[in-house]
Amino acid sequence: MSEKHVIFGLHAVQAAVSRDSETIEQVYLEQERRDERARQLAQQVRAAGLPLERVKRAFLDELTGHGRHQGAAAVARLPGPGDEHSLTALLERLATPPLLLVLDGVQDPHNLGACLRTADAAGVQAVIAPRDRACGLTSTVRKVASGAAEVVPFIQVTNLARTLRELRERGIWLVGTDLDAEQDLYQADLRGPLALVMGAEERGLRRLTREHCDQRVKLPMAGTVQSLNVSVSTGICLYEALRQRRG
């Protein structure tokens, strides 16, 4: 089911026009922006046959909820998050071993957007998150994701523990990140059907989530800090998996 969303930020709007022009209903550009990037976007919008309107900055501020729109926004009908049924259908269609990302309660939209962007770059087939007490696909998430939110399936599930059990029953190996793990990331075999499970910003993995993981790993920390931002940790883990899977 599609939902109406506001996409904002020059790069995010450009990516949407390039990838999903058929979903866009209207593009807005700030009247005062006459620089080269704005001209390129206007040319791209016209070439795609989309309606373009020059508006005042105050209009864009209100439309985007005072987000950092950079003088550009678009209204589009975009796919909403999937659910347990769409996850099942996706897994049954896969012709290659799954590489999934599970986010256990990430709440910051900037972190979720960054995770989606990295997931797209690393070839992740779906990002899974709980429906409650976790960030969804907001306009800020879509902006930070720079187009990845429109191409990487984002699945919100009612019961994450049950979903993890079902993934295990399908033969998908669940590897969770945990500061207290004995094994580090670079000792883990990430080559088969895999779901990387990342914890939330403050608390990490919840107890039930941790108990459902087949294996827990930690990132080796050589300095004084004890942990990294969840989006940074996600990038490190996904690219180690990608390195191993490329052989």
C-alpha atoms as a PDB file:
ATOM      1  CA  MET A   1       0.000   0.000   0.000  1.00  0.00           C
ATOM      2  CA  SER A   2       1.360   3.432  -0.938  1.00  0.00           C
ATOM      3  CA  GLU A   3       1.385   6.406   1.408  1.00  0.00           C
ATOM      4  CA  LYS A   4       1.758  10.110   0.682  1.00  0.00           C
ATOM      5  CA  HIS A   5       5.106  11.442   1.896  1.00  0.00           C
ATOM      6  CA  VAL A   6       7.118  14.624   1.681  1.00  0.00           C
ATOM      7  CA  ILE A   7      10.659  14.077   0.423  1.00  0.00           C
ATOM      8  CA  PHE A   8      13.027  16.948   1.110  1.00  0.00           C
ATOM      9  CA  GLY A   9      16.647  17.847   0.530  1.00  0.00           C
ATOM     10  CA  LEU A  10      18.295  18.307  -2.868  1.00  0.00           C
ATOM     11  CA  HIS A  11      19.920  14.881  -3.013  1.00  0.00           C
ATOM     12  CA  ALA A  12      16.837  13.036  -1.768  1.00  0.00           C
ATOM     13  CA  VAL A  13      14.559  14.780  -4.280  1.00  0.00           C
ATOM     14  CA  GLN A  14      17.022  14.169  -7.124  1.00  0.00           C
ATOM     15  CA  ALA A  15      17.209  10.477  -6.211  1.00  0.00           C
ATOM     16  CA  ALA A  16      13.415  10.189  -6.109  1.00  0.00           C
ATOM     17  CA  VAL A  17      13.009  11.888  -9.496  1.00  0.00           C
ATOM     18  CA  SER A  18      15.682   9.651 -10.986  1.00  0.00           C
ATOM     19  CA  ARG A  19      14.453   6.349  -9.529  1.00  0.00           C
ATOM     20  CA  ASP A  20      10.726   6.736  -8.921  1.00  0.00           C
ATOM     21  CA  SER A  21       9.419   9.632 -11.006  1.00  0.00           C
ATOM     22  CA  GLU A  22       6.070   7.873 -11.488  1.00  0.00           C
ATOM     23  CA  THR A  23       5.396   8.142  -7.738  1.00  0.00           C
ATOM     24  CA  ILE A  24       5.931  11.914  -7.547  1.00  0.00           C
ATOM     25  CA  GLU A  25       2.920  14.221  -7.610  1.00  0.00           C
ATOM     26  CA  GLN A  26       4.599  17.625  -7.221  1.00  0.00           C
ATOM     27  CA  VAL A  27       8.086  19.112  -6.879  1.00  0.00           C
ATOM     28  CA  TYR A  28       8.781  22.413  -5.131  1.00  0.00           C
ATOM     29  CA  LEU A  29      11.868  24.617  -5.408  1.00  0.00           C
ATOM     30  CA  GLU A  30      12.603  27.682  -3.329  1.00  0.00           C
ATOM     31  CA  GLN A  31      12.220  30.887  -5.339  1.00  0.00           C
ATOM     32  CA  GLU A  32      15.577  32.276  -4.238  1.00  0.00           C
ATOM     33  CA  ARG A  33      17.586  29.198  -5.254  1.00  0.00           C
ATOM     34  CA  ARG A  34      19.113  29.888  -8.675  1.00  0.00           C
ATOM     35  CA  ASP A  35      22.430  28.088  -8.209  1.00  0.00           C
ATOM     36  CA  GLU A  36      23.744  25.284 -10.404  1.00  0.00           C
ATOM     37  CA  ARG A  37      22.404  22.428  -8.237  1.00  0.00           C
ATOM     38  CA  ALA A  38      18.926  23.945  -8.229  1.00  0.00           C
ATOM     39  CA  ARG A  39      19.069  24.472 -12.004  1.00  0.00           C
ATOM     40  CA  GLN A  40      20.117  20.855 -12.522  1.00  0.00           C
ATOM     41  CA  LEU A  41      17.231  19.621 -10.384  1.00  0.00           C
ATOM     42  CA  ALA A  42      14.741  21.841 -12.229  1.00  0.00           C
ATOM     43  CA  GLN A  43      16.015  20.517 -15.552  1.00  0.00           C
ATOM     44  CA  GLN A  44      15.751  16.925 -14.306  1.00  0.00           C
ATOM     45  CA  VAL A  45      12.182  17.483 -13.093  1.00  0.00           C
ATOM     46  CA  ARG A  46      11.070  19.018 -16.395  1.00  0.00           C
ATOM     47  CA  ALA A  47      12.749  16.228 -18.378  1.00  0.00           C
ATOM     48  CA  ALA A  48      10.746  13.710 -16.347  1.00  0.00           C
ATOM     49  CA  GLY A  49       7.534  15.580 -17.163  1.00  0.00           C
ATOM     50  CA  LEU A  50       6.782  16.370 -13.525  1.00  0.00           C
ATOM     51  CA  PRO A  51       5.030  19.498 -12.228  1.00  0.00           C
ATOM     52  CA  LEU A  52       7.456  22.027 -10.729  1.00  0.00           C
ATOM     53  CA  GLU A  53       6.481  25.046  -8.662  1.00  0.00           C
ATOM     54  CA  ARG A  54       8.693  27.827  -7.304  1.00  0.00           C
ATOM     55  CA  VAL A  55       7.656  28.717  -3.752  1.00  0.00           C
ATOM     56  CA  LYS A  56       8.758  30.828  -0.813  1.00  0.00           C
ATOM     57  CA  ARG A  57      11.029  29.373   1.844  1.00  0.00           C
ATOM     58  CA  ALA A  58       8.268  29.698   4.455  1.00  0.00           C
ATOM     59  CA  PHE A  59       6.103  27.332   2.405  1.00  0.00           C
ATOM     60  CA  LEU A  60       8.866  24.708   2.355  1.00  0.00           C
ATOM     61  CA  ASP A  61       9.515  25.178   6.071  1.00  0.00           C
ATOM     62  CA  GLU A  62       5.884  24.400   6.822  1.00  0.00           C
ATOM     63  CA  LEU A  63       5.657  21.545   4.307  1.00  0.00           C
ATOM     64  CA  THR A  64       8.725  19.778   5.722  1.00  0.00           C
ATOM     65  CA  GLY A  65       8.086  20.521   9.391  1.00  0.00           C
ATOM     66  CA  HIS A  66      11.091  22.880   9.405  1.00  0.00           C
ATOM     67  CA  GLY A  67      13.374  20.114   8.207  1.00  0.00           C
ATOM     68  CA  ARG A  68      16.667  20.834   6.433  1.00  0.00           C
ATOM     69  CA  HIS A  69      15.092  20.963   2.993  1.00  0.00           C
ATOM     70  CA  GLN A  70      17.858  22.933   1.201  1.00  0.00           C
ATOM     71  CA  GLY A  71      15.187  24.658  -0.845  1.00  0.00           C
ATOM     72  CA  ALA A  72      13.785  21.488  -2.438  1.00  0.00           C
ATOM     73  CA  ALA A  73      10.890  19.161  -1.643  1.00  0.00           C
ATOM     74  CA  ALA A  74       8.541  16.764  -3.388  1.00  0.00           C
ATOM     75  CA  VAL A  75       5.212  15.163  -2.562  1.00  0.00           C
ATOM     76  CA  ALA A  76       5.123  11.510  -3.562  1.00  0.00           C
ATOM     77  CA  ARG A  77       3.152   8.339  -3.057  1.00  0.00           C
ATOM     78  CA  LEU A  78       5.720   5.873  -1.785  1.00  0.00           C
ATOM     79  CA  PRO A  79       5.491   2.280  -0.606  1.00  0.00           C
ATOM     80  CA  GLY A  80       4.859   1.966   3.106  1.00  0.00           C
ATOM     81  CA  PRO A  81       6.551  -0.605   5.328  1.00  0.00           C
ATOM     82  CA  GLY A  82       5.914  -4.288   4.781  1.00  0.00           C
ATOM     83  CA  ASP A  83       4.716  -6.795   7.380  1.00  0.00           C
ATOM     84  CA  GLU A  84       5.217 -10.446   8.298  1.00  0.00           C
ATOM     85  CA  HIS A  85       3.364 -11.631   5.184  1.00  0.00           C
ATOM     86  CA  SER A  86       5.488  -9.544   2.834  1.00  0.00           C
ATOM     87  CA  LEU A  87       8.635 -10.814   4.580  1.00  0.00           C
ATOM     88  CA  THR A  88       7.542 -14.418   4.005  1.00  0.00           C
ATOM     89  CA  ALA A  89       6.825 -13.701   0.343  1.00  0.00           C
ATOM     90  CA  LEU A  90      10.187 -11.969  -0.075  1.00  0.00           C
ATOM     91  CA  LEU A  91      12.127 -14.863   1.463  1.00  0.00           C
ATOM     92  CA  GLU A  92      10.352 -17.386  -0.739  1.00  0.00           C
ATOM     93  CA  ARG A  93      11.286 -15.404  -3.860  1.00  0.00           C
ATOM     94  CA  LEU A  94      14.997 -15.155  -3.086  1.00  0.00           C
ATOM     95  CA  ALA A  95      17.306 -17.059  -5.410  1.00  0.00           C
ATOM     96  CA  THR A  96      20.431 -16.361  -3.319  1.00  0.00           C
ATOM     97  CA  PRO A  97      21.217 -16.880   0.396  1.00  0.00           C
ATOM     98  CA  PRO A  98      19.475 -14.154   2.411  1.00  0.00           C
ATOM     99  CA  LEU A  99      21.370 -11.229   3.880  1.00  0.00           C
ATOM    100  CA  LEU A 100      19.008  -9.458   6.276  1.00  0.00           C
ATOM    101  CA  LEU A 101      19.415  -6.624   8.758  1.00  0.00           C
ATOM    102  CA  VAL A 102      17.386  -6.648  11.985  1.00  0.00           C
ATOM    103  CA  LEU A 103      17.219  -3.436  14.028  1.00  0.00           C
ATOM    104  CA  ASP A 104      15.995  -4.054  17.566  1.00  0.00           C
ATOM    105  CA  GLY A 105      14.266  -0.802  18.463  1.00  0.00           C
ATOM    106  CA  VAL A 106      16.357   1.883  16.746  1.00  0.00           C
ATOM    107  CA  GLN A 107      14.535   5.135  17.501  1.00  0.00           C
ATOM    108  CA  ASP A 108      16.605   7.904  15.941  1.00  0.00           C
ATOM    109  CA  PRO A 109      15.471   8.658  12.360  1.00  0.00           C
ATOM    110  CA  HIS A 110      18.982   9.688  11.350  1.00  0.00           C
ATOM    111  CA  ASN A 111      20.329   6.320  12.494  1.00  0.00           C
ATOM    112  CA  LEU A 112      17.575   4.417  10.694  1.00  0.00           C
ATOM    113  CA  GLY A 113      18.136   6.411   7.509  1.00  0.00           C
ATOM    114  CA  ALA A 114      21.888   5.781   7.658  1.00  0.00           C
ATOM    115  CA  CYS A 115      21.296   2.056   8.257  1.00  0.00           C
ATOM    116  CA  LEU A 116      18.974   1.851   5.239  1.00  0.00           C
ATOM    117  CA  ARG A 117      21.517   3.617   3.049  1.00  0.00           C
ATOM    118  CA  THR A 118      24.280   1.230   4.127  1.00  0.00           C
ATOM    119  CA  ALA A 119      21.956  -1.762   3.763  1.00  0.00           C
ATOM    120  CA  ASP A 120      21.275  -0.814   0.148  1.00  0.00           C
ATOM    121  CA  ALA A 121      24.989  -0.398  -0.567  1.00  0.00           C
ATOM    122  CA  ALA A 122      25.804  -3.792   0.982  1.00  0.00           C
ATOM    123  CA  GLY A 123      23.080  -5.681  -0.898  1.00  0.00           C
ATOM    124  CA  VAL A 124      20.759  -6.371   2.035  1.00  0.00           C
ATOM    125  CA  GLN A 125      17.457  -7.864   0.858  1.00  0.00           C
ATOM    126  CA  ALA A 126      15.324  -6.535   3.734  1.00  0.00           C
ATOM    127  CA  VAL A 127      15.568  -4.488   6.920  1.00  0.00           C
ATOM    128  CA  ILE A 128      13.381  -5.761   9.770  1.00  0.00           C
ATOM    129  CA  ALA A 129      12.281  -3.760  12.819  1.00  0.00           C
ATOM    130  CA  PRO A 130       9.589  -3.982  15.509  1.00  0.00           C
ATOM    131  CA  ARG A 131       6.417  -2.021  14.861  1.00  0.00           C
ATOM    132  CA  ASP A 132       6.266  -0.556  18.387  1.00  0.00           C
ATOM    133  CA  ARG A 133       8.819   1.604  20.203  1.00  0.00           C
ATOM    134  CA  ALA A 134      10.957   1.975  17.094  1.00  0.00           C
ATOM    135  CA  CYS A 135      11.344   4.537  14.336  1.00  0.00           C
ATOM    136  CA  GLY A 136       9.348   4.113  11.130  1.00  0.00           C
ATOM    137  CA  LEU A 137       9.746   5.510   7.618  1.00  0.00           C
ATOM    138  CA  THR A 138       9.503   9.226   8.343  1.00  0.00           C
ATOM    139  CA  SER A 139      10.423  12.025   5.950  1.00  0.00           C
ATOM    140  CA  THR A 140      13.675  12.522   7.854  1.00  0.00           C
ATOM    141  CA  VAL A 141      14.518   8.831   7.482  1.00  0.00           C
ATOM    142  CA  ARG A 142      13.904   9.017   3.740  1.00  0.00           C
ATOM    143  CA  LYS A 143      16.061  12.134   3.415  1.00  0.00           C
ATOM    144  CA  VAL A 144      19.000  10.609   5.292  1.00  0.00           C
ATOM    145  CA  ALA A 145      18.646   7.343   3.359  1.00  0.00           C
ATOM    146  CA  SER A 146      19.153   9.270   0.082  1.00  0.00           C
ATOM    147  CA  GLY A 147      16.836   7.049  -1.949  1.00  0.00           C
ATOM    148  CA  ALA A 148      17.555   3.738  -0.199  1.00  0.00           C
ATOM    149  CA  ALA A 149      14.241   3.816   1.700  1.00  0.00           C
ATOM    150  CA  GLU A 150      12.461   3.495  -1.636  1.00  0.00           C
ATOM    151  CA  VAL A 151      14.393   0.417  -2.795  1.00  0.00           C
ATOM    152  CA  VAL A 152      15.245  -1.622   0.325  1.00  0.00           C
ATOM    153  CA  PRO A 153      12.181  -3.435   1.725  1.00  0.00           C
ATOM    154  CA  PHE A 154      11.517  -2.168   5.255  1.00  0.00           C
ATOM    155  CA  ILE A 155       9.551  -4.692   7.298  1.00  0.00           C
ATOM    156  CA  GLN A 156       7.804  -3.805  10.559  1.00  0.00           C
ATOM    157  CA  VAL A 157       6.725  -6.799  12.640  1.00  0.00           C
ATOM    158  CA  THR A 158       4.404  -7.041  15.617  1.00  0.00           C
ATOM    159  CA  ASN A 159       6.479  -9.609  17.517  1.00  0.00           C
ATOM    160  CA  LEU A 160      10.210  -9.473  16.796  1.00  0.00           C
ATOM    161  CA  ALA A 161      11.039 -12.553  18.891  1.00  0.00           C
ATOM    162  CA  ARG A 162       8.544 -14.639  16.910  1.00  0.00           C
ATOM    163  CA  THR A 163       9.964 -13.336  13.630  1.00  0.00           C
ATOM    164  CA  LEU A 164      13.472 -14.283  14.745  1.00  0.00           C
ATOM    165  CA  ARG A 165      12.271 -17.809  15.566  1.00  0.00           C
ATOM    166  CA  GLU A 166      10.727 -18.096  12.115  1.00  0.00           C
ATOM    167  CA  LEU A 167      13.948 -16.935  10.478  1.00  0.00           C
ATOM    168  CA  ARG A 168      15.870 -19.606  12.391  1.00  0.00           C
ATOM    169  CA  GLU A 169      13.365 -22.233  11.247  1.00  0.00           C
ATOM    170  CA  ARG A 170      14.180 -21.216   7.679  1.00  0.00           C
ATOM    171  CA  GLY A 171      17.847 -21.932   8.312  1.00  0.00           C
ATOM    172  CA  ILE A 172      18.903 -18.297   8.597  1.00  0.00           C
ATOM    173  CA  TRP A 173      21.795 -17.811  11.038  1.00  0.00           C
ATOM    174  CA  LEU A 174      21.158 -14.977  13.506  1.00  0.00           C
ATOM    175  CA  VAL A 175      24.253 -13.023  14.537  1.00  0.00           C
ATOM    176  CA  GLY A 176      23.695 -10.341  17.168  1.00  0.00           C
ATOM    177  CA  THR A 177      26.100  -7.631  18.264  1.00  0.00           C
ATOM    178  CA  ASP A 178      26.716  -7.508  21.997  1.00  0.00           C
ATOM    179  CA  LEU A 179      29.362  -5.691  24.033  1.00  0.00           C
ATOM    180  CA  ASP A 180      29.610  -8.713  26.355  1.00  0.00           C
ATOM    181  CA  ALA A 181      30.146 -11.291  23.597  1.00  0.00           C
ATOM    182  CA  GLU A 182      33.285 -13.418  23.835  1.00  0.00           C
ATOM    183  CA  GLN A 183      33.867 -13.660  20.087  1.00  0.00           C
ATOM    184  CA  ASP A 184      34.605 -10.668  17.893  1.00  0.00           C
ATOM    185  CA  LEU A 185      33.097  -9.937  14.487  1.00  0.00           C
ATOM    186  CA  TYR A 186      36.142 -11.035  12.504  1.00  0.00           C
ATOM    187  CA  GLN A 187      36.021 -14.542  13.978  1.00  0.00           C
ATOM    188  CA  ALA A 188      32.449 -15.141  12.790  1.00  0.00           C
ATOM    189  CA  ASP A 189      31.474 -16.971   9.604  1.00  0.00           C
ATOM    190  CA  LEU A 190      29.024 -14.667   7.804  1.00  0.00           C
ATOM    191  CA  ARG A 191      28.894 -16.435   4.445  1.00  0.00           C
ATOM    192  CA  GLY A 192      25.621 -18.388   4.595  1.00  0.00           C
ATOM    193  CA  PRO A 193      21.969 -17.354   5.020  1.00  0.00           C
ATOM    194  CA  LEU A 194      22.366 -14.553   7.547  1.00  0.00           C
ATOM    195  CA  ALA A 195      20.502 -11.982   9.595  1.00  0.00           C
ATOM    196  CA  LEU A 196      22.629  -9.396  11.400  1.00  0.00           C
ATOM    197  CA  VAL A 197      20.844  -8.232  14.550  1.00  0.00           C
ATOM    198  CA  MET A 198      21.735  -4.767  15.849  1.00  0.00           C
ATOM    199  CA  GLY A 199      20.629  -3.263  19.154  1.00  0.00           C
ATOM    200  CA  ALA A 200      19.099   0.123  19.911  1.00  0.00           C
ATOM    201  CA  GLU A 201      21.068   3.298  20.585  1.00  0.00           C
ATOM    202  CA  GLU A 202      21.164   3.132  24.377  1.00  0.00           C
ATOM    203  CA  ARG A 203      20.251  -0.331  25.611  1.00  0.00           C
ATOM    204  CA  GLY A 204      21.615  -2.566  22.861  1.00  0.00           C
ATOM    205  CA  LEU A 205      19.837  -5.874  22.275  1.00  0.00           C
ATOM    206  CA  ARG A 206      16.843  -6.657  24.444  1.00  0.00           C
ATOM    207  CA  ARG A 207      17.017  -9.867  26.478  1.00  0.00           C
ATOM    208  CA  LEU A 208      14.570 -11.852  24.321  1.00  0.00           C
ATOM    209  CA  THR A 209      16.269 -10.714  21.139  1.00  0.00           C
ATOM    210  CA  ARG A 210      19.664 -11.672  22.523  1.00  0.00           C
ATOM    211  CA  GLU A 211      18.393 -15.114  23.537  1.00  0.00           C
ATOM    212  CA  HIS A 212      17.122 -15.808  20.016  1.00  0.00           C
ATOM    213  CA  CYS A 213      20.491 -15.122  18.393  1.00  0.00           C
ATOM    214  CA  ASP A 214      22.506 -18.164  17.311  1.00  0.00           C
ATOM    215  CA  GLN A 215      25.737 -16.272  17.861  1.00  0.00           C
ATOM    216  CA  ARG A 216      26.773 -13.016  19.495  1.00  0.00           C
ATOM    217  CA  VAL A 217      29.781 -10.981  18.436  1.00  0.00           C
ATOM    218  CA  LYS A 218      31.412  -7.725  19.442  1.00  0.00           C
ATOM    219  CA  LEU A 219      33.415  -5.153  17.561  1.00  0.00           C
ATOM    220  CA  PRO A 220      37.045  -5.017  18.729  1.00  0.00           C
ATOM    221  CA  MET A 221      37.663  -1.655  20.402  1.00  0.00           C
ATOM    222  CA  ALA A 222      41.296  -0.543  20.515  1.00  0.00           C
ATOM    223  CA  GLY A 223      40.745   2.915  22.001  1.00  0.00           C
ATOM    224  CA  THR A 224      39.051   4.365  25.059  1.00  0.00           C
ATOM    225  CA  VAL A 225      35.419   4.382  23.850  1.00  0.00           C
ATOM    226  CA  GLN A 226      33.367   1.282  24.609  1.00  0.00           C
ATOM    227  CA  SER A 227      30.882   1.378  21.742  1.00  0.00           C
ATOM    228  CA  LEU A 228      30.031   2.969  18.393  1.00  0.00           C
ATOM    229  CA  ASN A 229      26.900   4.568  17.001  1.00  0.00           C
ATOM    230  CA  VAL A 230      24.470   1.902  15.765  1.00  0.00           C
ATOM    231  CA  SER A 231      24.643   3.087  12.157  1.00  0.00           C
ATOM    232  CA  VAL A 232      28.457   2.967  12.214  1.00  0.00           C
ATOM    233  CA  SER A 233      28.429  -0.515  13.779  1.00  0.00           C
ATOM    234  CA  THR A 234      25.894  -1.642  11.182  1.00  0.00           C
ATOM    235  CA  GLY A 235      28.139  -0.480   8.364  1.00  0.00           C
ATOM    236  CA  ILE A 236      31.160  -2.310   9.771  1.00  0.00           C
ATOM    237  CA  CYS A 237      29.213  -5.554  10.249  1.00  0.00           C
ATOM    238  CA  LEU A 238      27.504  -5.471   6.859  1.00  0.00           C
ATOM    239  CA  TYR A 239      30.712  -4.823   4.980  1.00  0.00           C
ATOM    240  CA  GLU A 240      32.508  -7.625   6.796  1.00  0.00           C
ATOM    241  CA  ALA A 241      29.647  -9.899   5.727  1.00  0.00           C
ATOM    242  CA  LEU A 242      29.912  -8.580   2.168  1.00  0.00           C
ATOM    243  CA  ARG A 243      33.683  -9.144   2.135  1.00  0.00           C
ATOM    244  CA  GLN A 244      33.297 -12.750   3.265  1.00  0.00           C
ATOM    245  CA  ARG A 245      30.435 -13.495   0.889  1.00  0.00           C
ATOM    246  CA  ARG A 246      32.432 -12.251  -2.082  1.00  0.00           C
ATOM    247  CA  GLY A 247      35.085 -14.793  -1.140  1.00  0.00           C
END
